[in-house]
C-alpha atoms as a PDB file:
ATOM      1  CA  MET A   1      68.306  77.100  -5.079  1.00  0.00           C
ATOM      2  CA  ASP A   2      65.263  78.146  -3.298  1.00  0.00           C
ATOM      3  CA  GLU A   3      63.478  74.679  -2.500  1.00  0.00           C
ATOM      4  CA  LYS A   4      60.936  76.128   0.370  1.00  0.00           C
ATOM      5  CA  ARG A   5      61.942  73.699   3.134  1.00  0.00           C
ATOM      6  CA  ILE A   6      62.606  76.528   5.548  1.00  0.00           C
ATOM      7  CA  SER A   7      60.426  79.574   5.953  1.00  0.00           C
ATOM      8  CA  ALA A   8      62.169  83.141   6.654  1.00  0.00           C
ATOM      9  CA  PHE A   9      60.146  86.173   8.330  1.00  0.00           C
ATOM     10  CA  GLY A  10      60.101  89.831   7.868  1.00  0.00           C
ATOM     11  CA  PRO A  11      61.919  92.206   5.318  1.00  0.00           C
ATOM     12  CA  ASP A  12      65.229  90.996   6.932  1.00  0.00           C
ATOM     13  CA  LYS A  13      64.502  87.043   6.185  1.00  0.00           C
ATOM     14  CA  LEU A  14      65.006  86.089   9.520  1.00  0.00           C
ATOM     15  CA  ILE A  15      64.731  82.430  10.610  1.00  0.00           C
ATOM     16  CA  ASP A  16      63.678  80.754  13.891  1.00  0.00           C
ATOM     17  CA  GLN A  17      66.089  77.955  14.520  1.00  0.00           C
ATOM     18  CA  ALA A  18      63.680  75.693  16.325  1.00  0.00           C
ATOM     19  CA  LEU A  19      60.682  76.654  13.705  1.00  0.00           C
ATOM     20  CA  ALA A  20      63.552  75.925  10.883  1.00  0.00           C
ATOM     21  CA  ASP A  21      64.871  72.694  12.565  1.00  0.00           C
ATOM     22  CA  SER A  22      61.143  71.276  12.509  1.00  0.00           C
ATOM     23  CA  GLN A  23      60.377  72.456   8.763  1.00  0.00           C
ATOM     24  CA  TRP A  24      63.540  71.255   8.119  1.00  0.00           C
ATOM     25  CA  ALA A  25      62.621  67.808   9.316  1.00  0.00           C
ATOM     26  CA  ARG A  26      59.106  67.666   7.513  1.00  0.00           C
ATOM     27  CA  ASN A  27      60.105  68.989   4.403  1.00  0.00           C
ATOM     28  CA  THR A  28      63.572  66.962   3.661  1.00  0.00           C
ATOM     29  CA  ARG A  29      63.552  63.429   2.702  1.00  0.00           C
ATOM     30  CA  ALA A  30      66.499  61.396   4.925  1.00  0.00           C
ATOM     31  CA  ARG A  31      68.665  59.410   2.587  1.00  0.00           C
ATOM     32  CA  VAL A  32      69.066  55.646   3.422  1.00  0.00           C
ATOM     33  CA  GLY A  33      71.944  54.928   5.505  1.00  0.00           C
ATOM     34  CA  SER A  34      72.496  58.510   5.806  1.00  0.00           C
ATOM     35  CA  SER A  35      75.123  59.519   8.701  1.00  0.00           C
ATOM     36  CA  ASP A  36      73.601  62.977   9.161  1.00  0.00           C
ATOM     37  CA  ALA A  37      69.790  62.330   9.495  1.00  0.00           C
ATOM     38  CA  GLY A  38      69.743  63.647  12.674  1.00  0.00           C
ATOM     39  CA  HIS A  39      71.496  67.024  11.569  1.00  0.00           C
ATOM     40  CA  VAL A  40      71.349  70.048   9.162  1.00  0.00           C
ATOM     41  CA  SER A  41      73.968  72.072   7.807  1.00  0.00           C
ATOM     42  CA  ASP A  42      73.713  75.851   7.867  1.00  0.00           C
ATOM     43  CA  PRO A  43      74.919  77.704   4.679  1.00  0.00           C
ATOM     44  CA  ALA A  44      78.229  78.540   6.497  1.00  0.00           C
ATOM     45  CA  GLY A  45      78.867  74.731   6.965  1.00  0.00           C
ATOM     46  CA  ASP A  46      78.409  74.225  10.724  1.00  0.00           C
ATOM     47  CA  LEU A  47      76.300  71.887  11.744  1.00  0.00           C
ATOM     48  CA  LEU A  48      73.070  72.366  13.972  1.00  0.00           C
ATOM     49  CA  SER A  49      71.948  69.861  16.322  1.00  0.00           C
ATOM     50  CA  ALA A  50      68.565  68.425  16.087  1.00  0.00           C
ATOM     51  CA  PRO A  51      65.637  69.736  18.321  1.00  0.00           C
ATOM     52  CA  GLY A  52      66.263  68.559  21.673  1.00  0.00           C
ATOM     53  CA  ALA A  53      70.143  67.693  21.168  1.00  0.00           C
ATOM     54  CA  SER A  54      72.735  69.084  23.225  1.00  0.00           C
ATOM     55  CA  THR A  55      75.011  71.327  21.488  1.00  0.00           C
ATOM     56  CA  ALA A  56      78.156  69.702  22.957  1.00  0.00           C
ATOM     57  CA  GLU A  57      77.651  66.432  21.327  1.00  0.00           C
ATOM     58  CA  PRO A  58      76.056  65.524  17.991  1.00  0.00           C
ATOM     59  CA  ALA A  59      72.646  64.001  18.076  1.00  0.00           C
ATOM     60  CA  ALA A  60      72.881  60.431  17.279  1.00  0.00           C
ATOM     61  CA  ALA A  61      70.641  59.817  13.771  1.00  0.00           C
ATOM     62  CA  PRO A  62      67.363  58.175  14.540  1.00  0.00           C
ATOM     63  CA  ALA A  63      66.565  54.576  13.727  1.00  0.00           C
ATOM     64  CA  PRO A  64      64.147  54.491  10.998  1.00  0.00           C
ATOM     65  CA  ALA A  65      60.855  53.120  11.814  1.00  0.00           C
ATOM     66  CA  PRO A  66      60.851  49.197  10.124  1.00  0.00           C
ATOM     67  CA  ASP A  67      57.257  50.088   8.469  1.00  0.00           C
ATOM     68  CA  GLY A  68      58.366  53.975   7.837  1.00  0.00           C
ATOM     69  CA  TYR A  69      59.079  55.647   4.685  1.00  0.00           C
ATOM     70  CA  THR A  70      62.641  55.038   5.043  1.00  0.00           C
ATOM     71  CA  ALA A  71      62.122  51.261   5.287  1.00  0.00           C
ATOM     72  CA  ALA A  72      60.053  51.357   2.142  1.00  0.00           C
ATOM     73  CA  ARG A  73      62.844  53.185   0.242  1.00  0.00           C
ATOM     74  CA  ALA A  74      65.383  50.868   1.602  1.00  0.00           C
ATOM     75  CA  ARG A  75      63.545  47.892   0.557  1.00  0.00           C
ATOM     76  CA  THR A  76      62.924  49.499  -3.079  1.00  0.00           C
ATOM     77  CA  GLU A  77      66.701  50.300  -3.587  1.00  0.00           C
ATOM     78  CA  GLN A  78      67.698  46.794  -2.627  1.00  0.00           C
ATOM     79  CA  ALA A  79      65.419  45.496  -5.188  1.00  0.00           C
ATOM     80  CA  ASN A  80      66.547  47.900  -7.703  1.00  0.00           C
ATOM     81  CA  ALA A  81      70.324  47.128  -6.887  1.00  0.00           C
ATOM     82  CA  GLY A  82      68.799  42.832  -7.245  1.00  0.00           C
ATOM     83  CA  ILE A  83      67.194  43.632 -10.501  1.00  0.00           C
ATOM     84  CA  ALA A  84      70.299  45.629 -11.901  1.00  0.00           C
ATOM     85  CA  GLU A  85      72.640  42.493 -10.863  1.00  0.00           C
ATOM     86  CA  LEU A  86      70.155  40.192 -12.628  1.00  0.00           C
ATOM     87  CA  GLN A  87      70.013  42.061 -15.751  1.00  0.00           C
ATOM     88  CA  LEU A  88      73.966  42.258 -15.970  1.00  0.00           C
ATOM     89  CA  ALA A  89      74.145  38.584 -15.392  1.00  0.00           C
ATOM     90  CA  LYS A  90      71.866  38.087 -18.014  1.00  0.00           C
ATOM     91  CA  LEU A  91      73.964  40.210 -20.359  1.00  0.00           C
ATOM     92  CA  ARG A  92      77.175  38.510 -19.666  1.00  0.00           C
ATOM     93  CA  GLY A  93      75.275  34.887 -20.199  1.00  0.00           C
ATOM     94  CA  GLU A  94      75.452  33.869 -16.776  1.00  0.00           C
ATOM     95  CA  VAL A  95      71.804  33.443 -16.271  1.00  0.00           C
ATOM     96  CA  ARG A  96      68.897  32.304 -18.581  1.00  0.00           C
ATOM     97  CA  ASP A  97      65.413  32.820 -18.680  1.00  0.00           C
ATOM     98  CA  VAL A  98      63.478  29.778 -16.967  1.00  0.00           C
ATOM     99  CA  SER A  99      60.913  29.696 -19.632  1.00  0.00           C
ATOM    100  CA  ASP A 100      63.607  28.768 -22.348  1.00  0.00           C
ATOM    101  CA  ILE A 101      65.470  26.359 -20.440  1.00  0.00           C
ATOM    102  CA  ASN A 102      62.082  24.495 -19.861  1.00  0.00           C
ATOM    103  CA  ARG A 103      61.059  24.865 -23.405  1.00  0.00           C
ATOM    104  CA  GLY A 104      64.393  23.625 -24.536  1.00  0.00           C
ATOM    105  CA  GLY A 105      64.564  21.036 -22.149  1.00  0.00           C
ATOM    106  CA  PHE A 106      60.921  19.500 -23.068  1.00  0.00           C
ATOM    107  CA  ASP A 107      62.054  19.358 -26.759  1.00  0.00           C
ATOM    108  CA  ILE A 108      65.632  17.601 -25.971  1.00  0.00           C
ATOM    109  CA  ALA A 109      63.242  15.109 -23.908  1.00  0.00           C
ATOM    110  CA  ARG A 110      60.806  14.640 -26.924  1.00  0.00           C
ATOM    111  CA  GLU A 111      63.491  14.351 -29.199  1.00  0.00           C
ATOM    112  CA  LEU A 112      65.216  11.741 -27.149  1.00  0.00           C
ATOM    113  CA  ARG A 113      61.670   9.592 -26.384  1.00  0.00           C
ATOM    114  CA  ASP A 114      60.973   9.794 -30.553  1.00  0.00           C
ATOM    115  CA  ALA A 115      64.738   8.419 -31.139  1.00  0.00           C
ATOM    116  CA  MET A 116      64.381   5.539 -28.573  1.00  0.00           C
ATOM    117  CA  ASP A 117      60.681   4.643 -29.866  1.00  0.00           C
ATOM    118  CA  SER A 118      61.732   4.414 -33.303  1.00  0.00           C
ATOM    119  CA  SER A 119      65.112   2.500 -32.615  1.00  0.00           C
ATOM    120  CA  VAL A 120      62.850  -0.231 -31.046  1.00  0.00           C
ATOM    121  CA  ASN A 121      62.189  -1.878 -34.736  1.00  0.00           C
ATOM    122  CA  THR A 122      65.717  -1.181 -35.672  1.00  0.00           C
ATOM    123  CA  LEU A 123      67.163  -2.793 -32.773  1.00  0.00           C
ATOM    124  CA  ALA A 124      64.841  -5.850 -33.060  1.00  0.00           C
ATOM    125  CA  ALA A 125      65.827  -6.451 -36.876  1.00  0.00           C
ATOM    126  CA  GLU A 126      69.500  -6.241 -35.935  1.00  0.00           C
ATOM    127  CA  LEU A 127      69.522  -8.357 -32.783  1.00  0.00           C
ATOM    128  CA  ALA A 128      67.356 -11.312 -33.812  1.00  0.00           C
ATOM    129  CA  PRO A 129      69.950 -13.151 -36.252  1.00  0.00           C
ATOM    130  CA  LEU A 130      72.698 -12.539 -33.550  1.00  0.00           C
ATOM    131  CA  ASP A 131      73.627 -15.825 -31.453  1.00  0.00           C
ATOM    132  CA  SER A 132      76.064 -14.314 -29.027  1.00  0.00           C
ATOM    133  CA  ALA A 133      75.743 -11.875 -26.148  1.00  0.00           C
ATOM    134  CA  ASP A 134      78.750  -9.980 -26.952  1.00  0.00           C
ATOM    135  CA  ALA A 135      77.268  -9.387 -30.615  1.00  0.00           C
ATOM    136  CA  CYS A 136      74.071  -8.171 -28.998  1.00  0.00           C
ATOM    137  CA  ALA A 137      75.897  -5.947 -26.586  1.00  0.00           C
ATOM    138  CA  GLN A 138      77.719  -4.308 -29.432  1.00  0.00           C
ATOM    139  CA  VAL A 139      74.767  -3.413 -31.175  1.00  0.00           C
ATOM    140  CA  LEU A 140      73.086  -1.959 -27.924  1.00  0.00           C
ATOM    141  CA  ARG A 141      76.310   0.120 -27.432  1.00  0.00           C
ATOM    142  CA  ARG A 142      76.148   1.589 -30.807  1.00  0.00           C
ATOM    143  CA  HIS A 143      72.523   2.473 -30.658  1.00  0.00           C
ATOM    144  CA  ASN A 144      73.081   4.014 -27.111  1.00  0.00           C
ATOM    145  CA  ARG A 145      75.992   6.307 -28.622  1.00  0.00           C
ATOM    146  CA  THR A 146      73.916   7.624 -31.222  1.00  0.00           C
ATOM    147  CA  ILE A 147      71.237   8.685 -28.752  1.00  0.00           C
ATOM    148  CA  GLN A 148      73.651   9.958 -26.250  1.00  0.00           C
ATOM    149  CA  GLU A 149      75.222  11.928 -29.119  1.00  0.00           C
ATOM    150  CA  MET A 150      71.672  13.278 -30.154  1.00  0.00           C
ATOM    151  CA  LEU A 151      71.337  14.471 -26.867  1.00  0.00           C
ATOM    152  CA  ALA A 152      74.645  15.916 -26.327  1.00  0.00           C
ATOM    153  CA  LYS A 153      73.860  17.893 -29.526  1.00  0.00           C
ATOM    154  CA  GLY A 154      70.241  18.827 -28.429  1.00  0.00           C
ATOM    155  CA  LEU A 155      71.776  20.403 -25.126  1.00  0.00           C
ATOM    156  CA  ARG A 156      74.698  22.177 -26.795  1.00  0.00           C
ATOM    157  CA  GLU A 157      72.026  24.007 -29.584  1.00  0.00           C
ATOM    158  CA  LYS A 158      68.941  24.568 -27.546  1.00  0.00           C
ATOM    159  CA  LEU A 159      70.615  25.202 -23.893  1.00  0.00           C
ATOM    160  CA  SER A 160      73.750  26.538 -24.769  1.00  0.00           C
ATOM    161  CA  VAL A 161      75.438  23.791 -22.572  1.00  0.00           C
ATOM    162  CA  LYS A 162      78.761  22.788 -22.775  1.00  0.00           C
ATOM    163  CA  VAL A 163      79.130  19.096 -23.117  1.00  0.00           C
ATOM    164  CA  ALA A 164      82.676  17.636 -22.166  1.00  0.00           C
ATOM    165  CA  ALA A 165      84.020  15.547 -24.904  1.00  0.00           C
ATOM    166  CA  GLU A 166      85.417  11.892 -23.891  1.00  0.00           C
END
């Protein structure tokens, strides 16, 4: 695989080590989090130190510039990983789209308002002939329970919310 990262000279295809190291550094992208960013391997598998490094000790990986290519690539990789995690959670049903929740919540609130408004005349007619507070409370509880059941049904259907039964 000839990627033209390092130039060879002459009929014997000789390589100058200092020139090869600088060409390799210029023509090769560093991997994010790579521990060998300051080293290159020759075909025999031996590590060649980066220019200016001691041959007794391997050179430490240079810290990427905070606003350089490596940092931008790291941010891109992190963003892509976050998007993948979000898509997986959505497929599992653990996450819902905000617009679906807003639309469902609005529909449920509108139905609740309409039910409460329409129950006023019914409640007035049922409460008018009653002469005790206990009888009025019983009618109000029945109407409240009907509206609460409608709310629970709307939550289950529109928002896929599990409502605990009493």
